Structure formats: C-alpha cells, structure tokens
Amino acid sequence: MTMLDPGAEDLPPIPSKRYFTIGEVGTLCCVKPHVLRYWEQEFPQLQPVKRRGNRRYYQRHEVELIRTIRRLLYIEGYTISGASNQLAVPERPSTESELSASDVNELVVELEKISTLLTAN
C-alpha cells in the first residue's frame, strides 16, 4: 500500500531490508517506540513479527502503514478512531470517472435512440 504522503518530505527514506527493529521504525517514522506499541493495540492492521524476548520486527509494508497512520493523526488531524476508520475504508476511485446526472440522462437518450433504430430494422 503505497500512498502519497504529504508529510513524507521530512521523513528519511526507507532502506531496502527485510525487517526493522522498533528503534529503527521510530527513527524512520519520527515516532517514539512507546507510541508504536500503543498503535499496535489500536490498529489491527499493524502486527509486527515478535521473536525471542518479545522483540518486534517490522516489515516494509508495516513501516509504510505507520507513516500513513502518522500522516492521518499528526498532519490531517484525525482521531485514533477516525484514522482507524480511514484505513478500513477501501480507496474510492477518483471523481473524474464518476458521471453527473446530466451525463447519465444524455446516455439514456442516446441508448433510447439506438434501441429505436435497432427495432425499426
């Protein structure tokens, strides 16, 4: 899930490696480790791998998710509940592809003309 992040310009690039420690993720996302642990409880999509000693290891998609959560909370001003709802809603297609009522009416008229031509033959 790669989203354009308006606050990403101040965040460091994500290195190409398989797993990241909670400290590395905190640095990459400008979020303290205790906040990351709290977000794990609030956002069910965020589930880092836990290994010996209950150490957390995050994958790239989780780092990207954390950056999205950070943007929703800190930049766009959502509450935890609102951010969680935003993440649960699938992205809508752009409004450019949606038809207006007048466009639909024009299509109906055109289809009726075509139907009349086809039944006349």
C-alpha atoms as a PDB file:
ATOM      1  CA  MET A   1       0.000   0.000   0.000  1.00  0.00           C
ATOM      2  CA  THR A   2       1.932   2.988  -1.268  1.00  0.00           C
ATOM      3  CA  MET A   3       0.220   6.282  -0.671  1.00  0.00           C
ATOM      4  CA  LEU A   4       1.377   9.778  -1.405  1.00  0.00           C
ATOM      5  CA  ASP A   5       2.287  11.188   1.966  1.00  0.00           C
ATOM      6  CA  PRO A   6       2.225  14.989   2.176  1.00  0.00           C
ATOM      7  CA  GLY A   7       4.361  14.815   5.319  1.00  0.00           C
ATOM      8  CA  ALA A   8       6.854  12.366   3.819  1.00  0.00           C
ATOM      9  CA  GLU A   9       9.330  15.012   2.716  1.00  0.00           C
ATOM     10  CA  ASP A  10      10.575  15.344   6.292  1.00  0.00           C
ATOM     11  CA  LEU A  11      10.872  11.574   6.796  1.00  0.00           C
ATOM     12  CA  PRO A  12      14.020   9.639   5.877  1.00  0.00           C
ATOM     13  CA  PRO A  13      13.843   7.128   3.002  1.00  0.00           C
ATOM     14  CA  ILE A  14      13.065   3.527   3.951  1.00  0.00           C
ATOM     15  CA  PRO A  15      16.151   1.346   3.399  1.00  0.00           C
ATOM     16  CA  SER A  16      15.752  -1.839   1.400  1.00  0.00           C
ATOM     17  CA  LYS A  17      15.917  -4.518   4.056  1.00  0.00           C
ATOM     18  CA  ARG A  18      13.522  -7.195   5.174  1.00  0.00           C
ATOM     19  CA  TYR A  19      12.996  -6.400   8.870  1.00  0.00           C
ATOM     20  CA  PHE A  20      13.290  -3.291  11.027  1.00  0.00           C
ATOM     21  CA  THR A  21      13.553  -3.045  14.812  1.00  0.00           C
ATOM     22  CA  ILE A  22      11.179  -0.833  16.764  1.00  0.00           C
ATOM     23  CA  GLY A  23      14.002   1.692  17.248  1.00  0.00           C
ATOM     24  CA  GLU A  24      14.692   1.836  13.509  1.00  0.00           C
ATOM     25  CA  VAL A  25      10.993   2.253  12.739  1.00  0.00           C
ATOM     26  CA  GLY A  26      10.740   5.018  15.307  1.00  0.00           C
ATOM     27  CA  THR A  27      13.583   6.855  13.581  1.00  0.00           C
ATOM     28  CA  LEU A  28      12.189   6.229  10.073  1.00  0.00           C
ATOM     29  CA  CYS A  29       8.714   7.438  11.040  1.00  0.00           C
ATOM     30  CA  CYS A  30       9.609  10.090  13.652  1.00  0.00           C
ATOM     31  CA  VAL A  31       7.517   8.285  16.270  1.00  0.00           C
ATOM     32  CA  LYS A  32       8.645   7.091  19.707  1.00  0.00           C
ATOM     33  CA  PRO A  33       8.654   3.312  20.393  1.00  0.00           C
ATOM     34  CA  HIS A  34       6.005   3.557  23.130  1.00  0.00           C
ATOM     35  CA  VAL A  35       3.671   5.207  20.593  1.00  0.00           C
ATOM     36  CA  LEU A  36       4.282   2.350  18.135  1.00  0.00           C
ATOM     37  CA  ARG A  37       3.408  -0.195  20.820  1.00  0.00           C
ATOM     38  CA  TYR A  38       0.207   1.743  21.577  1.00  0.00           C
ATOM     39  CA  TRP A  39      -0.727   1.917  17.881  1.00  0.00           C
ATOM     40  CA  GLU A  40      -0.401  -1.879  17.674  1.00  0.00           C
ATOM     41  CA  GLN A  41      -3.309  -2.092  20.117  1.00  0.00           C
ATOM     42  CA  GLU A  42      -5.420   0.463  18.253  1.00  0.00           C
ATOM     43  CA  PHE A  43      -4.800  -0.543  14.627  1.00  0.00           C
ATOM     44  CA  PRO A  44      -5.405  -4.261  13.921  1.00  0.00           C
ATOM     45  CA  GLN A  45      -3.600  -3.966  10.558  1.00  0.00           C
ATOM     46  CA  LEU A  46      -0.357  -3.298  12.425  1.00  0.00           C
ATOM     47  CA  GLN A  47       1.045  -6.650  13.544  1.00  0.00           C
ATOM     48  CA  PRO A  48       4.835  -6.828  13.636  1.00  0.00           C
ATOM     49  CA  VAL A  49       6.535 -10.202  13.953  1.00  0.00           C
ATOM     50  CA  LYS A  50       7.511 -10.923  17.540  1.00  0.00           C
ATOM     51  CA  ARG A  51      10.560 -13.074  18.144  1.00  0.00           C
ATOM     52  CA  ARG A  52      12.545 -14.157  21.201  1.00  0.00           C
ATOM     53  CA  GLY A  53      12.321 -11.814  24.124  1.00  0.00           C
ATOM     54  CA  ASN A  54       9.106 -10.397  22.621  1.00  0.00           C
ATOM     55  CA  ARG A  55      11.184  -8.228  20.264  1.00  0.00           C
ATOM     56  CA  ARG A  56       9.239  -6.635  17.445  1.00  0.00           C
ATOM     57  CA  TYR A  57      10.369  -6.768  13.833  1.00  0.00           C
ATOM     58  CA  TYR A  58       8.513  -4.678  11.288  1.00  0.00           C
ATOM     59  CA  GLN A  59       8.391  -5.296   7.532  1.00  0.00           C
ATOM     60  CA  ARG A  60       8.425  -2.568   4.885  1.00  0.00           C
ATOM     61  CA  HIS A  61       4.633  -2.581   4.401  1.00  0.00           C
ATOM     62  CA  GLU A  62       4.206  -2.004   8.147  1.00  0.00           C
ATOM     63  CA  VAL A  63       6.641   0.924   8.081  1.00  0.00           C
ATOM     64  CA  GLU A  64       4.581   2.399   5.231  1.00  0.00           C
ATOM     65  CA  LEU A  65       1.393   1.779   7.228  1.00  0.00           C
ATOM     66  CA  ILE A  66       2.899   3.544  10.255  1.00  0.00           C
ATOM     67  CA  ARG A  67       3.773   6.522   8.056  1.00  0.00           C
ATOM     68  CA  THR A  68       0.176   6.590   6.838  1.00  0.00           C
ATOM     69  CA  ILE A  69      -1.141   6.413  10.423  1.00  0.00           C
ATOM     70  CA  ARG A  70       1.259   9.213  11.396  1.00  0.00           C
ATOM     71  CA  ARG A  71       0.025  11.367   8.481  1.00  0.00           C
ATOM     72  CA  LEU A  72      -3.625  10.765   9.385  1.00  0.00           C
ATOM     73  CA  LEU A  73      -3.095  11.595  13.065  1.00  0.00           C
ATOM     74  CA  TYR A  74      -0.463  14.320  13.041  1.00  0.00           C
ATOM     75  CA  ILE A  75      -0.948  16.073   9.703  1.00  0.00           C
ATOM     76  CA  GLU A  76      -4.603  15.549   8.763  1.00  0.00           C
ATOM     77  CA  GLY A  77      -5.819  15.759  12.377  1.00  0.00           C
ATOM     78  CA  TYR A  78      -7.818  12.531  12.642  1.00  0.00           C
ATOM     79  CA  THR A  79      -8.544  10.913  15.986  1.00  0.00           C
ATOM     80  CA  ILE A  80      -7.358   7.344  16.569  1.00  0.00           C
ATOM     81  CA  SER A  81     -10.888   6.131  15.816  1.00  0.00           C
ATOM     82  CA  GLY A  82     -11.159   8.282  12.698  1.00  0.00           C
ATOM     83  CA  ALA A  83      -7.762   7.142  11.415  1.00  0.00           C
ATOM     84  CA  SER A  84      -8.736   3.527  12.036  1.00  0.00           C
ATOM     85  CA  ASN A  85     -11.935   4.076  10.049  1.00  0.00           C
ATOM     86  CA  GLN A  86      -9.981   5.719   7.208  1.00  0.00           C
ATOM     87  CA  LEU A  87      -7.683   2.702   6.996  1.00  0.00           C
ATOM     88  CA  ALA A  88     -10.652   0.324   6.974  1.00  0.00           C
ATOM     89  CA  VAL A  89     -12.400   2.088   4.067  1.00  0.00           C
ATOM     90  CA  PRO A  90     -11.212   1.000   0.615  1.00  0.00           C
ATOM     91  CA  GLU A  91      -9.992   3.873  -1.523  1.00  0.00           C
ATOM     92  CA  ARG A  92     -12.632   5.345  -3.816  1.00  0.00           C
ATOM     93  CA  PRO A  93     -11.917   5.830  -7.493  1.00  0.00           C
ATOM     94  CA  SER A  94     -11.177   9.399  -8.494  1.00  0.00           C
ATOM     95  CA  THR A  95     -14.178  11.657  -9.026  1.00  0.00           C
ATOM     96  CA  GLU A  96     -13.112  12.216 -12.623  1.00  0.00           C
ATOM     97  CA  SER A  97     -14.524   8.801 -13.528  1.00  0.00           C
ATOM     98  CA  GLU A  98     -17.903   9.474 -11.909  1.00  0.00           C
ATOM     99  CA  LEU A  99     -20.803  10.562 -14.113  1.00  0.00           C
ATOM    100  CA  SER A 100     -23.033  13.519 -13.356  1.00  0.00           C
ATOM    101  CA  ALA A 101     -26.822  13.287 -13.560  1.00  0.00           C
ATOM    102  CA  SER A 102     -26.835  15.187 -16.869  1.00  0.00           C
ATOM    103  CA  ASP A 103     -24.260  12.749 -18.300  1.00  0.00           C
ATOM    104  CA  VAL A 104     -26.486   9.832 -17.307  1.00  0.00           C
ATOM    105  CA  ASN A 105     -29.537  11.495 -18.867  1.00  0.00           C
ATOM    106  CA  GLU A 106     -27.632  12.061 -22.130  1.00  0.00           C
ATOM    107  CA  LEU A 107     -26.599   8.410 -22.185  1.00  0.00           C
ATOM    108  CA  VAL A 108     -30.187   7.281 -21.616  1.00  0.00           C
ATOM    109  CA  VAL A 109     -31.367   9.430 -24.538  1.00  0.00           C
ATOM    110  CA  GLU A 110     -28.615   8.021 -26.788  1.00  0.00           C
ATOM    111  CA  LEU A 111     -29.462   4.449 -25.786  1.00  0.00           C
ATOM    112  CA  GLU A 112     -33.144   5.033 -26.480  1.00  0.00           C
ATOM    113  CA  LYS A 113     -32.267   6.346 -29.973  1.00  0.00           C
ATOM    114  CA  ILE A 114     -30.111   3.273 -30.625  1.00  0.00           C
ATOM    115  CA  SER A 115     -32.873   0.993 -29.368  1.00  0.00           C
ATOM    116  CA  THR A 116     -35.401   2.689 -31.685  1.00  0.00           C
ATOM    117  CA  LEU A 117     -33.048   2.287 -34.656  1.00  0.00           C
ATOM    118  CA  LEU A 118     -32.472  -1.381 -33.911  1.00  0.00           C
ATOM    119  CA  THR A 119     -36.175  -2.212 -33.511  1.00  0.00           C
ATOM    120  CA  ALA A 120     -37.064  -0.290 -36.700  1.00  0.00           C
ATOM    121  CA  ASN A 121     -34.890  -2.618 -38.819  1.00  0.00           C
END
